[in-house]
Protein backbone atom coordinates (compact mmCIF):
# COMPACT_ATOMS: atom_id res chain seq x y z
CA MET A 1 0.00 0.00 0.00
CA ALA A 2 1.44 3.37 -1.05
CA LYS A 3 1.91 5.98 1.69
CA ARG A 4 2.23 9.74 1.26
CA PHE A 5 3.66 12.56 3.34
CA ILE A 6 1.23 15.43 3.92
CA ASP A 7 2.50 19.00 4.36
CA THR A 8 1.15 20.22 7.71
CA GLU A 9 1.83 23.82 6.61
CA ILE A 10 -0.66 23.51 3.74
CA TRP A 11 -3.40 24.84 6.02
CA ASN A 12 -1.53 28.16 6.22
CA ASN A 13 -1.46 28.67 2.43
CA THR A 14 -3.94 31.29 1.24
CA TRP A 15 -4.99 29.30 -1.83
CA PHE A 16 -5.83 26.30 0.37
CA MET A 17 -7.69 28.45 2.90
CA ASP A 18 -9.89 29.73 0.05
CA LEU A 19 -11.00 26.21 -0.94
CA LEU A 20 -14.42 24.98 0.13
CA PRO A 21 -14.38 21.98 2.53
CA ILE A 22 -15.38 19.62 -0.30
CA GLU A 23 -12.63 21.08 -2.52
CA LYS A 24 -10.04 20.36 0.19
CA ILE A 25 -11.21 16.73 0.17
CA MET A 26 -10.99 16.66 -3.63
CA PHE A 27 -7.41 17.98 -3.49
CA PHE A 28 -6.33 15.39 -0.92
CA TYR A 29 -8.02 12.69 -2.98
CA ILE A 30 -5.70 13.59 -5.89
CA VAL A 31 -2.65 13.66 -3.60
CA THR A 32 -3.40 10.15 -2.34
CA LYS A 33 -4.53 8.65 -5.67
CA CYS A 34 -1.81 10.02 -7.98
CA ASP A 35 1.14 7.81 -8.94
CA TYR A 36 4.57 7.97 -7.28
CA VAL A 37 5.69 11.04 -9.27
CA GLY A 38 2.52 13.10 -8.72
CA VAL A 39 0.58 12.31 -11.92
CA TRP A 40 -3.13 11.46 -11.66
CA ASN A 41 -5.15 9.88 -14.46
CA PRO A 42 -8.55 11.55 -13.86
CA ASN A 43 -11.46 9.23 -13.21
CA PHE A 44 -14.08 11.72 -12.07
CA ARG A 45 -16.84 9.11 -11.79
CA LEU A 46 -14.77 6.96 -9.43
CA ALA A 47 -13.65 10.02 -7.48
CA SER A 48 -17.26 11.17 -7.00
CA PHE A 49 -18.24 7.67 -5.86
CA VAL A 50 -15.35 7.43 -3.36
CA ILE A 51 -15.81 10.94 -1.95
CA ASN A 52 -19.57 10.22 -1.76
CA SER A 53 -20.63 13.82 -1.26
CA GLU A 54 -24.01 15.48 -1.70
CA TRP A 55 -22.12 18.50 -3.06
CA ASP A 56 -21.54 18.90 -6.80
CA LEU A 57 -17.86 18.25 -7.50
CA ASN A 58 -16.64 21.03 -9.82
CA TRP A 59 -13.19 19.86 -10.92
CA ASN A 60 -12.59 22.80 -13.27
CA GLU A 61 -13.22 25.19 -10.40
CA LEU A 62 -10.74 23.25 -8.27
CA LEU A 63 -8.08 23.70 -10.97
CA LYS A 64 -8.58 27.47 -10.95
CA LYS A 65 -8.55 27.81 -7.18
CA THR A 66 -5.42 25.75 -6.58
CA LYS A 67 -3.44 28.41 -8.49
CA GLY A 68 -0.84 26.28 -10.23
CA ASN A 69 -0.59 23.55 -7.59
CA ILE A 70 -2.36 21.27 -10.08
CA GLU A 71 -1.57 21.33 -13.81
CA VAL A 72 -3.28 19.58 -16.72
CA LEU A 73 -0.78 17.89 -19.04
CA GLU A 74 -1.17 17.61 -22.82
CA ASN A 75 -2.21 13.96 -22.44
CA GLY A 76 -5.08 15.00 -20.16
CA LYS A 77 -3.48 13.73 -16.95
CA TRP A 78 -3.19 15.98 -13.90
CA PHE A 79 0.21 16.80 -12.37
CA LEU A 80 1.18 18.03 -8.90
CA PRO A 81 4.38 20.10 -9.58
CA ASP A 82 5.66 20.05 -5.97
CA PHE A 83 4.88 16.37 -5.30
CA CYS A 84 8.34 14.84 -5.91
CA LYS A 85 10.22 17.61 -4.12
CA PHE A 86 8.07 17.23 -1.00
CA GLN A 87 7.94 13.42 -0.99
CA TYR A 88 11.58 12.66 -1.86
CA GLY A 89 13.60 15.89 -1.71
CA GLU A 90 16.25 16.34 -4.41
CA LEU A 91 16.30 13.27 -6.65
CA SER A 92 19.66 11.59 -7.19
CA GLU A 93 20.62 9.38 -10.13
CA GLN A 94 22.85 7.42 -7.72
CA SER A 95 19.87 6.40 -5.56
CA ARG A 96 18.20 3.15 -6.70
CA PRO A 97 14.68 4.13 -5.54
CA HIS A 98 15.10 7.54 -7.18
CA GLN A 99 16.13 5.91 -10.46
CA THR A 100 12.58 4.50 -10.72
CA TYR A 101 11.06 7.95 -10.19
CA ILE A 102 13.44 9.55 -12.71
CA LYS A 103 12.56 6.91 -15.33
CA LYS A 104 8.85 7.58 -14.83
CA LEU A 105 9.33 11.35 -15.06
CA LYS A 106 11.21 10.85 -18.34
CA GLU A 107 8.26 8.83 -19.70
CA TYR A 108 5.95 11.74 -18.93
CA GLY A 109 8.42 14.32 -20.27
CA LEU A 110 8.50 15.96 -16.83
CA LEU A 111 12.11 15.40 -15.77
CA ASN A 112 12.98 19.05 -16.41
CA ARG A 113 10.33 20.04 -13.84
CA VAL A 114 12.12 18.26 -11.00
CA VAL A 115 15.53 18.93 -9.42
CA VAL A 116 17.85 15.98 -10.13
CA ASN A 117 21.43 15.63 -8.85
CA ASN A 118 23.39 13.53 -11.34
CA LYS A 119 26.65 13.63 -9.40
CA SER A 120 27.75 11.01 -6.91
CA ASN A 121 28.81 12.39 -3.55
CA THR A 122 30.97 9.48 -2.45
CA MET A 123 34.56 10.27 -1.45
CA SER A 124 35.83 8.18 -4.35
CA ALA A 125 33.73 10.08 -6.87
CA LYS A 126 34.81 13.44 -5.49
CA ARG A 127 38.48 12.47 -5.73
CA LYS A 128 38.02 11.30 -9.33
CA ARG A 129 36.56 14.70 -10.24
CA LEU A 130 39.91 16.28 -9.31
CA THR A 131 41.66 15.95 -12.67
CA GLN A 132 45.39 15.58 -13.27
CA LYS A 133 45.32 18.88 -15.14
CA LYS A 134 43.94 20.64 -12.05
CA LYS A 135 46.56 18.96 -9.85
CA ASP A 136 49.36 20.17 -12.13
CA GLU A 137 47.92 23.70 -12.03
CA ILE A 138 47.91 23.71 -8.20
CA LEU A 139 51.47 22.33 -7.92
CA SER A 140 52.70 24.90 -10.42
CA LYS A 141 50.85 27.70 -8.65
CA TYR A 142 52.83 27.00 -5.46
CA LYS A 143 56.07 26.34 -7.40
CA TYR A 144 56.31 22.75 -6.13
CA GLU A 145 56.98 23.93 -2.57
CA CYS A 146 55.23 22.37 0.45
CA GLN A 147 52.98 25.01 1.92
CA TYR A 148 52.97 23.28 5.31
CA CYS A 149 56.69 22.79 6.04
CA GLY A 150 58.50 24.65 3.23
CA GLU A 151 60.25 21.56 1.79
CA LYS A 152 61.16 21.78 -1.92
CA ASN A 153 63.42 18.89 -2.86
CA CYS A 154 60.96 16.01 -2.68
CA ASP A 155 57.80 14.64 -4.28
CA MET A 156 54.76 16.91 -4.04
CA VAL A 157 51.04 16.14 -4.00
CA VAL A 158 47.81 18.15 -3.85
CA ASP A 159 46.10 18.27 -0.45
CA HIS A 160 42.55 19.29 0.47
CA ILE A 161 42.88 21.94 3.19
CA THR A 162 39.43 20.94 4.46
CA PRO A 163 39.24 17.15 3.86
CA LEU A 164 36.49 15.85 1.57
CA ILE A 165 35.20 13.68 4.39
CA LYS A 166 34.68 16.83 6.48
CA GLY A 167 32.80 18.76 3.81
CA GLY A 168 35.69 20.05 1.71
CA ASP A 169 35.52 20.33 -2.07
CA ASN A 170 37.75 20.55 -5.13
CA SER A 171 37.67 24.34 -5.42
CA ASP A 172 40.99 26.14 -5.90
CA ASP A 173 40.70 27.78 -2.47
CA ASN A 174 40.64 24.33 -0.85
CA LEU A 175 43.57 22.85 -2.78
CA ILE A 176 47.22 23.31 -1.82
CA CYS A 177 50.67 21.90 -2.63
CA THR A 178 52.24 19.73 0.09
CA CYS A 179 55.03 17.21 0.41
CA VAL A 180 54.12 13.54 0.71
CA SER A 181 55.21 13.49 4.36
CA CYS A 182 52.93 16.38 5.43
CA ASN A 183 50.08 15.02 3.34
CA SER A 184 50.40 11.64 5.07
CA ARG A 185 50.56 13.15 8.56
CA LYS A 186 47.58 15.40 7.93
CA SER A 187 45.47 12.66 6.30
CA ASP A 188 41.80 13.43 7.06
CA LEU A 189 42.53 15.90 9.86
CA SER A 190 41.32 19.46 9.62
CA LEU A 191 44.11 22.01 9.32
CA GLN A 192 43.52 23.09 12.92
CA GLU A 193 43.77 19.49 14.14
CA PHE A 194 46.92 18.97 12.09
CA TYR A 195 48.53 22.06 13.62
CA ASP A 196 47.45 21.21 17.19
CA ASN A 197 48.70 17.62 16.89
CA ASN A 198 52.08 18.46 15.35
CA ASN A 199 53.05 21.86 16.70
CA GLY A 200 56.22 21.38 18.75
CA VAL A 201 56.78 17.94 17.25
CA TYR A 202 57.75 19.07 13.76
CA LYS A 203 59.56 22.26 12.79
CA ASN A 204 58.47 24.86 10.26
CA LEU A 205 54.73 24.72 11.01
CA ASP A 206 54.51 28.51 11.09
CA ARG A 207 53.21 28.31 7.54
CA VAL A 208 50.25 26.22 8.74
CA TYR A 209 49.55 28.77 11.47
CA ASN A 210 49.57 31.56 8.85
CA ILE A 211 47.22 29.61 6.58
CA LEU A 212 44.84 29.10 9.50
CA ASN A 213 44.80 32.83 10.22
CA THR A 214 44.16 33.57 6.55
CA LEU A 215 41.23 31.12 6.51
CA LYS A 216 39.75 32.70 9.64
CA GLU A 217 39.96 36.14 8.07
CA LYS A 218 38.23 34.84 4.93
CA GLU A 219 35.44 33.36 7.07
CA LYS A 220 34.96 36.71 8.80
CA GLU A 221 34.74 38.43 5.43
CA LYS A 222 32.18 35.88 4.22
CA GLU A 223 30.05 36.49 7.32
CA LYS A 224 30.22 40.24 6.74
CA GLU A 225 29.13 39.74 3.12
CA LYS A 226 26.23 37.56 4.27
CA ASP A 227 25.11 40.26 6.70
CA LYS A 228 25.35 42.89 3.95
CA GLU A 229 23.30 40.68 1.62
CA LYS A 230 20.59 40.27 4.26
CA ASP A 231 20.30 44.06 4.58
CA LYS A 232 20.44 44.64 0.83
CA LYS A 233 17.12 45.48 -0.82
CA HIS A 234 16.01 43.39 -3.79
CA LYS A 235 13.34 44.12 -6.40
CA TYR A 236 10.07 42.19 -6.20
CA GLY A 237 6.82 42.03 -8.16
CA GLU A 238 6.10 41.66 -11.87
CA PHE A 239 7.30 45.22 -12.56
CA LYS A 240 10.15 45.06 -10.03
CA ASN A 241 8.95 48.19 -8.20
CA VAL A 242 8.91 46.83 -4.65
CA LEU A 243 12.16 47.05 -2.70
CA LEU A 244 12.52 44.69 0.26
CA THR A 245 15.37 42.99 2.13
CA ASP A 246 15.47 39.20 2.49
CA LYS A 247 14.68 39.62 6.19
CA GLU A 248 11.61 41.71 5.41
CA VAL A 249 10.30 39.19 2.85
CA GLU A 250 10.76 36.27 5.26
CA LYS A 251 8.98 38.21 8.03
CA LEU A 252 6.09 39.06 5.70
CA LYS A 253 5.74 35.38 4.76
CA SER A 254 5.85 34.42 8.43
CA ASP A 255 3.21 36.98 9.43
CA TYR A 256 0.83 36.69 6.47
CA GLY A 257 1.53 33.23 5.05
CA ASN A 258 3.57 32.64 1.88
CA ASP A 259 0.83 33.13 -0.74
CA ARG A 260 -0.78 36.12 0.98
CA ALA A 261 2.59 37.87 1.38
CA LEU A 262 3.37 37.46 -2.33
CA GLU A 263 -0.13 38.69 -3.20
CA LEU A 264 0.38 41.89 -1.14
CA ILE A 265 3.81 42.50 -2.67
CA ASN A 266 2.27 42.22 -6.15
CA LYS A 267 -0.54 44.60 -5.21
CA LEU A 268 1.94 47.24 -4.09
CA ASP A 269 4.00 46.61 -7.23
CA GLU A 270 0.95 47.19 -9.46
CA GLY A 271 -0.04 50.29 -7.46
CA ILE A 272 3.38 51.84 -7.97
CA GLU A 273 3.33 50.97 -11.69
CA LEU A 274 -0.23 52.12 -12.46
CA LYS A 275 -0.81 54.99 -10.00
CA GLY A 276 2.70 56.12 -9.21
CA TYR A 277 2.53 55.41 -5.48
CA LYS A 278 5.65 56.59 -3.67
CA TYR A 279 6.76 55.18 -0.33
CA LYS A 280 10.08 55.47 1.48
CA ASN A 281 9.57 52.07 3.13
CA HIS A 282 7.72 49.43 1.09
CA ASN A 283 7.67 46.94 3.95
CA LEU A 284 5.92 49.45 6.21
CA ALA A 285 3.53 50.41 3.39
CA ILE A 286 2.35 46.80 3.04
CA ARG A 287 1.84 46.47 6.79
CA LYS A 288 -0.07 49.76 7.03
CA TRP A 289 -2.28 48.85 4.08
CA TYR A 290 -3.05 45.37 5.31
CA PRO A 291 -2.65 44.71 9.06
CA VAL A 292 -1.81 41.10 9.93
CA ASP A 293 -4.94 38.98 10.08
CA THR A 294 -5.58 38.16 13.77
CA GLU A 295 -7.36 34.93 12.88
CA TYR A 296 -4.36 33.76 10.82
CA LYS A 297 -1.97 34.54 13.69
CA ASN A 298 -4.16 32.65 16.15
CA ASN A 299 -4.41 29.65 13.80
CA LYS A 300 -0.65 29.68 13.38
CA LYS A 301 -0.10 29.70 17.15
CA GLU A 302 -2.62 26.89 17.57
CA LEU A 303 -0.88 24.75 14.92
CA LYS A 304 2.48 25.36 16.60
CA LEU A 305 1.09 24.25 19.96
CA LYS A 306 -0.37 21.11 18.39
CA GLU A 307 2.99 20.25 16.80
CA GLU A 308 4.90 20.85 20.05
CA TYR A 309 2.51 19.24 22.52
CA GLY A 310 0.43 16.91 20.35
CA PHE A 311 -3.04 18.30 21.10
């Protein structure tokens, strides 16, 4: 018997709130009766019999009100665009169960609608993706001199500063020239662990200390850039008239619900485009125009309590 995950946050989506009770049942019927990639072959007579409602089931109206959460394919079948992402996450060609889903999506011509990772993430696969050409470039870049101990007159290899097993990658910033001896001693240790374990035991580890300080400075710079990006205003709406920071958008979605927040942003965008509205603070304008719905906030708190305490 097939089992499906149900998104508990669906009740907070404006489009779902606007559905009639019978339409909510109709939507969940499709979710539970579609195949394993979210495609349903409509059998309205069977659906009406199973739902067994005195209400008239208007399937065309349901399509309109779900606002893109159900699509009709050229072959007449109905497709739930977010089904695979919610049920399975990112599909991987290296996963045997996922290979079945990918094959089915290809049959429907829907593979381009789903995120698929075609790269293996095993340590072996990652190492193979580091080509000999790239290794030669790194060794040449550092003039065949060990960047950990300073040795020159010996065999050199390329080392991952942050080991692959600890989340490192094959980017140039993570690759460095080292002698075979240092590479062997470091193995899968982080650079900090390598320094702590060998400082005082081996000479010439000042270079490692300097690299560590450089990495820490880079991390600080990255954090500063992230903070700047959060405070940077981006353009939203069809006409790109609404200026909001990422923080403001996330807060609007949290306070109003995802669909309602986007709807209000688009309304302000259209108002600016058509009527020339001018506001210094677009976030404040939205909140002044449309105060947060008290009922929505109460429902949200109630759902949170149910999730935390199970009642």
